Protein backbone atom coordinates (compact mmCIF):
# COMPACT_ATOMS: atom_id res chain seq x y z
CA MET A 1 -29.53 -66.61 -240.64
CA ALA A 2 -32.50 -64.24 -241.50
CA ILE A 3 -31.30 -64.01 -245.02
CA LYS A 4 -32.49 -66.87 -247.27
CA GLU A 5 -31.45 -65.72 -250.82
CA ARG A 6 -28.10 -67.19 -251.67
CA ARG A 7 -27.16 -64.19 -253.91
CA THR A 8 -27.59 -61.71 -250.93
CA LYS A 9 -25.77 -64.02 -248.49
CA ILE A 10 -22.78 -64.02 -250.72
CA LEU A 11 -22.66 -60.25 -251.23
CA LEU A 12 -23.18 -59.76 -247.46
CA ALA A 13 -20.35 -62.16 -246.60
CA LEU A 14 -17.92 -60.38 -248.94
CA TYR A 15 -18.63 -57.05 -247.37
CA LEU A 16 -19.20 -57.87 -243.71
CA LEU A 17 -16.11 -60.06 -243.63
CA SER A 18 -13.90 -57.58 -245.66
CA ASN A 19 -13.42 -53.86 -245.11
CA VAL A 20 -14.50 -50.71 -246.82
CA GLU A 21 -11.73 -51.26 -249.31
CA LEU A 22 -13.62 -54.42 -250.47
CA SER A 23 -10.57 -56.69 -249.97
CA PRO A 24 -10.78 -60.39 -251.10
CA ILE A 25 -12.38 -62.97 -248.94
CA SER A 26 -12.08 -66.74 -249.14
CA LEU A 27 -15.44 -68.63 -248.80
CA ASP A 28 -13.81 -71.44 -246.83
CA GLU A 29 -15.71 -73.96 -244.71
CA ARG A 30 -15.71 -71.66 -241.70
CA ILE A 31 -17.19 -68.78 -243.67
CA GLN A 32 -19.81 -71.10 -245.30
CA LYS A 33 -20.93 -72.27 -241.84
CA ILE A 34 -21.20 -68.77 -240.59
CA PHE A 35 -23.48 -67.63 -243.56
CA ASP A 36 -25.39 -71.01 -243.97
CA LEU A 37 -23.76 -71.60 -247.34
CA SER A 38 -22.27 -74.67 -248.95
CA LEU A 39 -20.24 -74.77 -252.18
CA ASN A 40 -22.72 -77.03 -253.93
CA GLN A 41 -23.81 -76.74 -257.54
CA LYS A 42 -26.40 -73.96 -256.82
CA THR A 43 -23.82 -71.86 -254.87
CA ARG A 44 -21.21 -72.25 -257.59
CA GLY A 45 -23.92 -71.23 -260.12
CA THR A 46 -24.83 -68.19 -258.15
CA LEU A 47 -21.13 -67.22 -257.84
CA SER A 48 -20.68 -67.66 -261.62
CA GLY A 49 -23.69 -65.50 -262.21
CA LEU A 50 -22.40 -62.69 -259.89
CA ILE A 51 -19.06 -62.72 -261.75
CA LYS A 52 -20.90 -62.50 -265.12
CA GLU A 53 -22.98 -59.54 -263.86
CA GLU A 54 -19.64 -57.98 -262.62
CA LEU A 55 -20.91 -57.78 -259.10
CA ILE A 56 -18.02 -59.78 -257.72
CA GLU A 57 -14.49 -60.72 -259.03
CA LYS A 58 -12.37 -63.83 -258.29
CA SER A 59 -8.97 -63.29 -257.01
CA THR A 60 -6.23 -65.96 -257.22
CA ASN A 61 -3.82 -64.23 -254.95
CA PRO A 62 -4.51 -65.59 -251.36
CA ARG A 63 -1.98 -63.10 -249.89
CA GLU A 64 -4.50 -60.27 -250.34
CA SER A 65 -6.67 -61.76 -247.67
CA ALA A 66 -6.18 -61.71 -243.88
CA ILE A 67 -8.57 -64.47 -243.23
CA ASN A 68 -6.65 -67.59 -244.38
CA PRO A 69 -3.67 -66.99 -246.51
CA ARG A 70 -3.39 -70.75 -247.40
CA GLU A 71 -6.77 -70.92 -249.12
CA SER A 72 -7.43 -70.32 -252.83
CA GLY A 73 -10.61 -69.16 -254.53
CA PHE A 74 -11.00 -65.62 -253.11
CA TYR A 75 -13.74 -63.25 -254.14
CA HIS A 76 -14.34 -59.55 -253.58
CA LEU A 77 -17.15 -57.17 -254.24
CA THR A 78 -16.88 -54.74 -257.16
CA GLU A 79 -18.16 -51.15 -257.00
CA LYS A 80 -21.26 -52.45 -258.84
CA GLY A 81 -21.71 -55.22 -256.50
CA PHE A 82 -21.37 -52.79 -253.48
CA ALA A 83 -24.04 -50.54 -255.03
CA GLU A 84 -26.45 -53.40 -255.40
CA LEU A 85 -25.82 -54.41 -251.77
CA CYS A 86 -26.66 -50.94 -250.75
CA LEU A 87 -30.12 -51.15 -252.22
CA LYS A 88 -30.88 -53.72 -249.60
CA PHE A 89 -28.68 -52.43 -246.73
CA PRO A 90 -28.40 -48.63 -247.20
CA PHE A 91 -26.33 -48.35 -244.00
CA PHE A 92 -23.19 -49.47 -245.85
CA ARG A 93 -23.20 -46.71 -248.50
CA PHE A 94 -21.98 -43.80 -246.50
CA LEU A 95 -19.31 -45.87 -244.79
CA ARG A 96 -17.51 -45.62 -248.08
CA GLU A 97 -19.08 -42.71 -249.99
CA LYS A 98 -19.59 -39.02 -249.19
CA TRP A 99 -23.06 -37.70 -249.17
CA ASP A 100 -23.72 -35.05 -251.95
CA GLY A 101 -25.98 -33.08 -249.87
CA LYS A 102 -29.09 -33.82 -251.85
CA TRP A 103 -32.39 -35.31 -250.95
CA ARG A 104 -34.49 -37.48 -253.17
CA ILE A 105 -38.10 -37.02 -252.91
CA ILE A 106 -40.52 -39.62 -254.33
CA SER A 107 -44.30 -39.25 -254.61
CA TYR A 108 -46.66 -41.94 -255.76
CA GLU A 109 -50.36 -42.25 -255.51
CA ILE A 110 -51.47 -45.57 -256.88
CA PRO A 111 -55.19 -46.25 -256.78
CA GLU A 112 -56.55 -48.96 -254.41
CA LYS A 113 -57.70 -51.02 -257.37
CA LYS A 114 -54.00 -51.19 -258.36
CA ARG A 115 -52.92 -52.39 -254.95
CA GLU A 116 -50.64 -55.17 -256.38
CA ILE A 117 -48.61 -52.60 -258.20
CA ARG A 118 -48.41 -50.45 -255.15
CA ASP A 119 -47.25 -53.27 -253.04
CA ARG A 120 -44.77 -54.50 -255.57
CA LEU A 121 -43.15 -51.03 -255.82
CA ARG A 122 -42.96 -50.74 -251.97
CA ARG A 123 -41.26 -54.14 -251.83
CA GLU A 124 -38.70 -53.02 -254.39
CA MET A 125 -37.90 -49.78 -252.66
CA GLN A 126 -37.92 -51.31 -249.09
CA GLY A 127 -34.09 -50.97 -248.63
CA TRP A 128 -33.55 -47.60 -250.19
CA GLY A 129 -33.46 -45.72 -246.84
CA LEU A 130 -36.74 -44.10 -247.77
CA GLY A 131 -38.75 -42.57 -244.92
CA PRO A 132 -42.44 -41.29 -244.94
CA TRP A 133 -42.39 -37.53 -244.95
CA HIS A 134 -46.04 -36.88 -245.67
CA ARG A 135 -48.80 -39.02 -247.11
CA SER A 136 -47.50 -40.38 -250.42
CA PHE A 137 -44.32 -38.56 -250.08
CA TRP A 138 -41.05 -40.42 -249.29
CA ILE A 139 -37.60 -38.94 -248.73
CA THR A 140 -33.99 -40.26 -248.68
CA PRO A 141 -30.51 -39.00 -249.01
CA HIS A 142 -29.41 -41.95 -251.07
CA PRO A 143 -28.83 -41.58 -254.88
CA ILE A 144 -31.57 -43.97 -255.96
CA LEU A 145 -33.40 -42.15 -258.76
CA SER A 146 -31.50 -43.86 -261.61
CA THR A 147 -32.45 -47.12 -259.99
CA LEU A 148 -36.06 -45.97 -259.70
CA LYS A 149 -36.09 -45.14 -263.28
CA SER A 150 -34.86 -48.39 -264.45
CA LEU A 151 -37.18 -50.25 -262.12
CA THR A 152 -40.31 -48.51 -263.43
CA SER A 153 -39.39 -47.63 -267.07
CA GLN A 154 -42.24 -48.68 -269.44
CA LYS A 155 -44.18 -50.23 -266.65
CA GLU A 156 -47.63 -49.27 -265.38
CA GLU A 157 -46.37 -47.80 -262.23
CA GLU A 158 -44.31 -45.24 -264.03
CA LYS A 159 -47.30 -42.99 -264.77
CA TYR A 160 -48.04 -42.76 -260.88
CA ILE A 161 -44.56 -41.61 -259.82
CA GLN A 162 -43.03 -38.13 -259.38
CA ALA A 163 -39.36 -37.89 -258.24
CA PHE A 164 -37.38 -34.80 -257.27
CA GLU A 165 -33.82 -33.79 -256.10
CA ALA A 166 -33.43 -30.90 -253.71
CA GLU A 167 -31.23 -29.38 -251.01
CA HIS A 168 -32.38 -28.64 -247.51
CA THR A 169 -32.67 -24.85 -247.19
CA PHE A 170 -34.67 -24.21 -244.00
CA GLY A 171 -36.04 -26.18 -240.95
CA ASP A 172 -34.67 -28.25 -238.11
CA ARG A 173 -32.98 -31.39 -239.37
CA GLU A 174 -33.13 -33.14 -236.08
CA ILE A 175 -36.92 -32.80 -235.97
CA LEU A 176 -37.05 -34.05 -239.65
CA ILE A 177 -34.99 -37.12 -238.85
CA GLU A 178 -37.01 -38.03 -235.81
CA LYS A 179 -40.24 -37.63 -237.65
CA VAL A 180 -39.35 -39.43 -240.76
CA TRP A 181 -36.99 -42.23 -239.42
CA GLY A 182 -37.61 -42.43 -235.68
CA LYS A 183 -34.01 -41.93 -234.64
CA SER A 184 -34.74 -42.32 -231.00
CA ALA A 185 -36.35 -45.84 -231.59
CA LEU A 186 -33.52 -46.88 -233.75
CA ASP A 187 -30.99 -45.80 -231.06
CA LYS A 188 -32.95 -48.04 -228.62
CA SER A 189 -32.73 -50.95 -230.98
CA TYR A 190 -28.93 -50.52 -231.26
CA ARG A 191 -28.56 -50.62 -227.44
CA GLU A 192 -30.64 -53.81 -227.31
CA LEU A 193 -28.43 -55.25 -230.07
CA PHE A 194 -25.35 -54.55 -227.86
CA LYS A 195 -26.91 -56.49 -225.12
CA LYS A 196 -27.59 -59.47 -227.32
CA TRP A 197 -24.00 -59.33 -228.55
CA HIS A 198 -22.76 -59.43 -225.04
CA GLU A 199 -24.91 -62.51 -224.28
CA ILE A 200 -23.65 -64.23 -227.40
CA LEU A 201 -19.96 -63.45 -226.62
CA SER A 202 -20.44 -64.71 -223.09
CA SER A 203 -21.72 -68.11 -224.11
CA GLU A 204 -19.83 -71.39 -224.48
CA ASP A 205 -20.31 -71.59 -228.26
CA GLU A 206 -17.38 -71.97 -230.57
CA LYS A 207 -16.13 -68.85 -232.32
CA ALA A 208 -17.67 -69.56 -235.73
CA GLU A 209 -21.13 -70.16 -234.00
CA LYS A 210 -20.80 -66.90 -232.03
CA LEU A 211 -20.01 -64.90 -235.14
CA LYS A 212 -22.94 -66.43 -236.97
CA LYS A 213 -25.27 -65.36 -234.23
CA VAL A 214 -23.70 -61.85 -233.92
CA ILE A 215 -24.12 -61.35 -237.73
CA GLY A 216 -27.68 -62.75 -237.61
CA GLU A 217 -28.69 -60.19 -235.02
CA TYR A 218 -26.85 -57.44 -236.77
CA ILE A 219 -28.43 -58.13 -240.21
CA SER A 220 -31.90 -58.00 -238.63
CA LEU A 221 -31.24 -54.38 -237.35
CA LEU A 222 -29.37 -53.28 -240.55
CA ARG A 223 -32.65 -53.94 -242.45
CA GLN A 224 -34.16 -51.22 -240.34
CA ASP A 225 -31.37 -48.65 -240.49
CA PRO A 226 -31.91 -46.12 -243.34
CA GLY A 227 -28.20 -45.46 -243.54
CA LEU A 228 -28.18 -41.70 -242.91
CA PRO A 229 -24.89 -40.06 -243.51
CA LYS A 230 -22.87 -38.47 -240.70
CA GLU A 231 -23.59 -35.02 -242.09
CA LEU A 232 -27.23 -35.61 -240.96
CA ILE A 233 -26.97 -37.87 -238.08
CA GLY A 234 -23.58 -36.88 -236.59
CA GLU A 235 -20.35 -38.76 -236.33
CA SER A 236 -21.18 -40.08 -232.81
CA TRP A 237 -24.40 -41.83 -234.08
CA ILE A 238 -24.78 -45.17 -232.25
CA GLY A 239 -25.06 -46.90 -235.59
CA PHE A 240 -21.45 -45.98 -236.42
CA GLU A 241 -20.36 -47.19 -232.98
CA GLY A 242 -22.09 -50.44 -233.68
CA TRP A 243 -20.15 -50.87 -236.87
CA ASN A 244 -16.84 -50.34 -235.00
CA ILE A 245 -17.84 -52.74 -232.30
CA PHE A 246 -18.84 -55.26 -234.96
CA LYS A 247 -15.38 -55.00 -236.61
CA GLU A 248 -13.70 -55.68 -233.29
CA ILE A 249 -15.85 -58.73 -232.61
CA LYS A 250 -15.23 -59.98 -236.15
CA SER A 251 -11.39 -59.60 -235.67
CA ILE A 252 -11.50 -61.57 -232.46
CA LEU A 253 -13.76 -64.34 -233.56
CA LEU A 254 -11.94 -64.90 -236.79
CA SER A 255 -8.52 -64.97 -235.13
């Protein structure tokens, strides 16, 4: 799997194998295999840490899960945990939340001699659904300004940043979305993903291995998807179709 960080793997597993209501999921042997996890000391330590941070909660009622009602040790994402996951995979946010109609615009011009600060900031903001509007201006529909404040408060990069919230009042949104996020290229990437999924499902692999490969390919693309809301990109956007197809595949392969 493309994700190496144990913390992110757990958050992803609990969301991808659940539903938008964040129902409990058992991290049983099959799920561990799919996400390249093992319930060793490090993983248990990560789970404990996530619980302490209130990013996940443990449930002792196995009847709440549709995966394996005989297993115990179920976990589910909290709203706080979901919010953190959305900072890495913004596509998930507007599957559960309604867009408030506001754009967040971030401007930063960090001198070349401070390149390490600029590169660090870009890495931190990588999954926030930001797109390059103009030189040194980035735009996103995601509510990330409080996170930006927390990230940069009392740090050197704070003095190089300006951030705004605004509503769109004039101009063609389709042109903006293509210019900033490359909608047509992303559409093509989803169509290629569907072909890969078809090849995986047509293979002779066992179900768990198929789902592992399906999720691996999906995660690679979700890292690129800025997670635009349906109000901007339309209800028929191929990314939403991909999510529905994934849910069907998941249901079949976990049965």
